[in-house]
Protein backbone atom coordinates (compact mmCIF):
# COMPACT_ATOMS: atom_id res chain seq x y z
CA MET A 1 59.92 55.99 197.28
CA ALA A 2 58.11 53.23 198.50
CA ASP A 3 54.05 54.10 199.55
CA VAL A 4 54.04 55.24 203.27
CA LEU A 5 50.48 54.60 203.54
CA PRO A 6 50.17 51.28 203.34
CA LEU A 7 52.91 50.77 205.90
CA VAL A 8 51.11 53.46 208.38
CA GLU A 9 48.13 51.13 208.07
CA ALA A 10 49.81 48.33 209.09
CA ARG A 11 51.68 49.58 212.09
CA LEU A 12 47.77 50.74 213.28
CA ARG A 13 46.08 47.14 212.24
CA THR A 14 49.51 45.78 214.02
CA ALA A 15 48.59 47.85 217.41
CA LEU A 16 45.22 48.05 217.34
CA GLY A 17 43.09 45.51 215.55
CA GLU A 18 41.05 45.41 212.60
CA PRO A 19 39.30 48.47 211.73
CA ASP A 20 35.48 47.81 211.76
CA ALA A 21 34.94 50.55 209.84
CA ARG A 22 37.03 53.60 207.23
CA ALA A 23 35.85 56.55 205.89
CA ALA A 24 37.14 59.14 203.11
CA VAL A 25 37.27 62.62 202.98
CA THR A 26 38.24 64.69 199.93
CA PHE A 27 39.06 67.80 200.46
CA LEU A 28 39.88 70.66 197.08
CA GLY A 29 43.64 71.15 196.37
CA THR A 30 44.40 67.67 199.03
CA ASP A 31 45.29 64.06 199.05
CA ARG A 32 42.61 62.00 200.63
CA VAL A 33 41.92 60.92 204.20
CA GLU A 34 40.92 58.27 205.09
CA VAL A 35 39.11 58.32 209.23
CA LEU A 36 39.96 54.16 210.21
CA ARG A 37 38.02 53.60 213.39
CA PHE A 38 38.49 50.13 216.10
CA HIS A 39 36.41 48.48 219.00
CA GLY A 40 38.33 47.33 222.03
CA GLY A 41 36.70 46.42 224.97
CA ASP A 42 34.55 49.76 226.25
CA ILE A 43 37.15 51.88 224.43
CA VAL A 44 36.46 53.52 220.65
CA ARG A 45 39.64 54.50 218.17
CA TYR A 46 39.62 56.50 215.65
CA ALA A 47 42.73 57.06 213.38
CA THR A 48 43.46 59.09 210.76
CA LEU A 49 45.27 57.01 207.35
CA GLY A 50 46.37 60.05 204.73
CA MET A 51 48.12 62.93 207.24
CA SER A 52 51.71 61.02 206.68
CA ALA A 53 51.53 60.67 202.88
CA GLN A 54 53.59 63.99 202.90
CA PRO A 55 55.81 66.13 205.05
CA MET A 56 54.35 68.41 207.22
CA ALA A 57 56.82 71.34 206.24
CA ASP A 58 57.59 74.86 208.01
CA PRO A 59 55.39 77.45 207.17
CA THR A 60 57.75 79.58 206.64
CA ALA A 61 59.62 77.83 204.43
CA ILE A 62 59.54 79.61 201.18
CA LEU A 63 60.09 75.96 199.05
CA ALA A 64 58.17 72.50 201.04
CA ASP A 65 60.58 70.05 200.86
CA PRO A 66 58.95 66.76 199.66
CA VAL A 67 60.64 64.24 201.22
CA LYS A 68 62.40 65.62 204.21
CA GLY A 69 60.40 66.98 207.12
CA PRO A 70 57.77 65.65 210.13
CA ARG A 71 54.99 63.03 209.41
CA ALA A 72 51.88 62.16 211.75
CA GLU A 73 48.62 60.48 212.34
CA LEU A 74 46.33 61.32 214.52
CA VAL A 75 44.65 58.49 217.09
CA LEU A 76 41.78 59.42 219.10
CA SER A 77 40.44 57.24 222.10
CA VAL A 78 37.29 57.53 223.80
CA ARG A 79 34.97 55.11 225.73
CA ALA A 80 32.14 53.45 223.67
CA GLY A 81 28.38 53.70 223.39
CA LEU A 82 28.12 57.12 225.23
CA ALA A 83 27.46 59.60 222.77
CA ASP A 84 27.35 59.37 218.79
CA THR A 85 30.90 59.50 218.37
CA ASP A 86 31.11 58.35 214.83
CA LYS A 87 30.34 62.00 214.07
CA VAL A 88 33.82 63.00 214.44
CA LEU A 89 35.39 61.27 211.57
CA ARG A 90 34.48 64.83 209.14
CA PRO A 91 36.70 66.49 211.55
CA LEU A 92 39.41 64.35 212.52
CA ALA A 93 39.44 64.23 209.05
CA VAL A 94 39.63 68.28 208.52
CA LEU A 95 42.50 68.24 211.66
CA ALA A 96 44.76 65.86 209.17
CA ALA A 97 45.11 67.59 206.45
CA SER A 98 45.51 70.80 208.08
CA PRO A 99 49.24 70.73 207.54
CA GLN A 100 48.03 70.38 203.26
CA VAL A 101 45.58 73.28 204.20
CA GLU A 102 47.13 75.62 206.02
CA GLY A 103 50.40 74.25 205.97
CA VAL A 104 50.47 73.80 209.59
CA VAL A 105 53.12 71.57 211.37
CA VAL A 106 51.37 69.48 214.00
CA ALA A 107 53.39 68.29 217.30
CA PRO A 108 52.40 67.85 221.03
CA GLY A 109 51.21 70.33 222.86
CA ALA A 110 49.61 72.06 220.06
CA SER A 111 46.37 72.86 220.29
CA LEU A 112 43.57 72.15 216.90
CA ASP A 113 40.63 73.64 217.23
CA VAL A 114 37.55 72.91 215.01
CA GLY A 115 35.04 75.32 215.95
CA GLU A 116 31.96 73.09 215.82
CA PRO A 117 31.40 70.53 218.51
CA LEU A 118 33.26 67.04 217.55
CA TRP A 119 30.50 65.16 218.17
CA PRO A 120 26.56 65.74 218.53
CA GLY A 121 26.69 67.15 221.95
CA ALA A 122 29.88 67.13 222.42
CA LEU A 123 31.39 69.62 225.24
CA PHE A 124 34.68 69.85 222.61
CA THR A 125 35.05 72.03 219.65
CA SER A 126 38.99 71.11 220.05
CA VAL A 127 42.46 68.62 220.75
CA LEU A 128 45.37 69.39 223.04
CA VAL A 129 47.98 66.69 220.88
CA ALA A 130 50.03 64.46 223.42
CA GLU A 131 53.10 62.71 223.31
CA PRO A 132 53.33 59.81 221.08
CA GLY A 133 54.66 56.17 221.46
CA GLY A 134 52.13 54.73 224.16
CA LEU A 135 49.60 53.21 221.97
CA VAL A 136 51.16 52.82 218.38
CA GLU A 137 54.72 53.75 217.91
CA ASP A 138 56.55 55.22 215.58
CA LEU A 139 57.26 54.05 212.83
CA GLU A 140 60.37 54.21 211.06
CA LEU A 141 60.82 55.06 207.35
CA ASP A 142 63.77 54.49 205.09
CA GLU A 143 66.61 57.13 205.01
CA PRO A 144 66.08 60.59 204.25
CA LEU A 145 61.86 60.44 205.78
CA ASP A 146 60.96 61.15 209.02
CA PRO A 147 59.46 58.29 210.97
CA VAL A 148 55.57 58.16 211.18
CA ARG A 149 54.43 59.46 214.56
CA PHE A 150 50.78 58.25 215.69
CA LEU A 151 49.51 61.60 218.11
CA PRO A 152 47.08 60.93 220.49
CA LEU A 153 43.60 64.07 220.50
CA LEU A 154 42.85 64.69 223.95
CA PRO A 155 39.21 66.28 223.71
CA MET A 156 39.27 70.30 225.05
CA THR A 157 36.40 71.92 226.22
CA PRO A 158 36.34 75.65 225.16
CA ASN A 159 37.21 76.53 228.67
CA GLU A 160 40.27 74.47 228.94
CA ALA A 161 41.51 75.36 225.97
CA ALA A 162 41.67 78.78 226.94
CA TRP A 163 43.45 77.87 229.94
CA LYS A 164 46.00 75.80 227.76
CA ARG A 165 46.97 79.12 225.75
CA VAL A 166 47.67 81.00 228.92
CA HIS A 167 49.48 78.72 231.28
CA GLY A 168 50.29 75.55 229.28
CA ALA A 169 50.28 71.98 227.30
CA GLN A 170 51.86 70.84 230.85
CA ALA A 171 49.60 72.86 233.13
CA LEU A 172 46.84 71.36 231.64
CA GLN A 173 47.61 67.95 231.77
CA GLU A 174 48.97 67.89 234.86
CA ARG A 175 45.50 69.87 236.11
CA TRP A 176 43.61 66.77 234.80
CA LEU A 177 45.66 64.61 236.47
CA THR A 178 45.74 65.67 239.75
CA ASN A 179 41.58 65.89 239.00
CA GLY A 180 41.33 62.33 237.92
CA THR A 181 39.52 63.39 234.83
CA ASP A 182 38.68 60.93 232.71
CA LEU A 183 40.38 62.02 228.86
CA ARG A 184 37.84 59.26 227.27
CA ASP A 185 34.69 59.97 228.80
CA PRO A 186 33.01 61.95 225.68
CA SER A 187 30.35 63.32 227.55
CA ARG A 188 32.98 64.63 230.90
CA THR A 189 32.70 68.33 231.69
CA SER A 190 35.32 70.62 232.01
CA VAL A 191 38.36 70.11 234.61
CA PRO A 192 38.33 72.93 237.66
CA LEU A 193 40.20 75.47 236.37
CA ASP A 194 40.14 78.50 239.52
């Protein structure tokens, strides 16, 4: 099997340009996860590299398949210069390691919570996993490997996360759209939920 990560990094560079910073985090019992930072105009993007090295396994499966299964990396986009968003590196690495650590399959519509602000002063402690394919195209791999999907993350306030649990991801996204919410604003407040 070819190493997936060089192909993933090449796809990220093609879509987002050259990274201007990278950091690596290793958690006990997991593979190393890197977070790459890309600047593009007034937007800074953070992308994980390492989550897709192994397929995500169904937590109910008795034995994890080492070849087949969904693969993904996470991408967070925020407006540059409005907050100390570089501190999001560790929380992003924690989220990227969650399939290995907790045996979860990260998919669009899911909520991921880090239990603390994503960066200093942030109102967000969790993210909504959005549909892939817009910013970075899926990376097709040789059979029998599943493609790598690049999943956008949308920061949620605790109130938005609670509302999403009751009403669903689609309803929250419609609420954001209706209110013209700038999901890239690192200092935004919660959308009106009444």
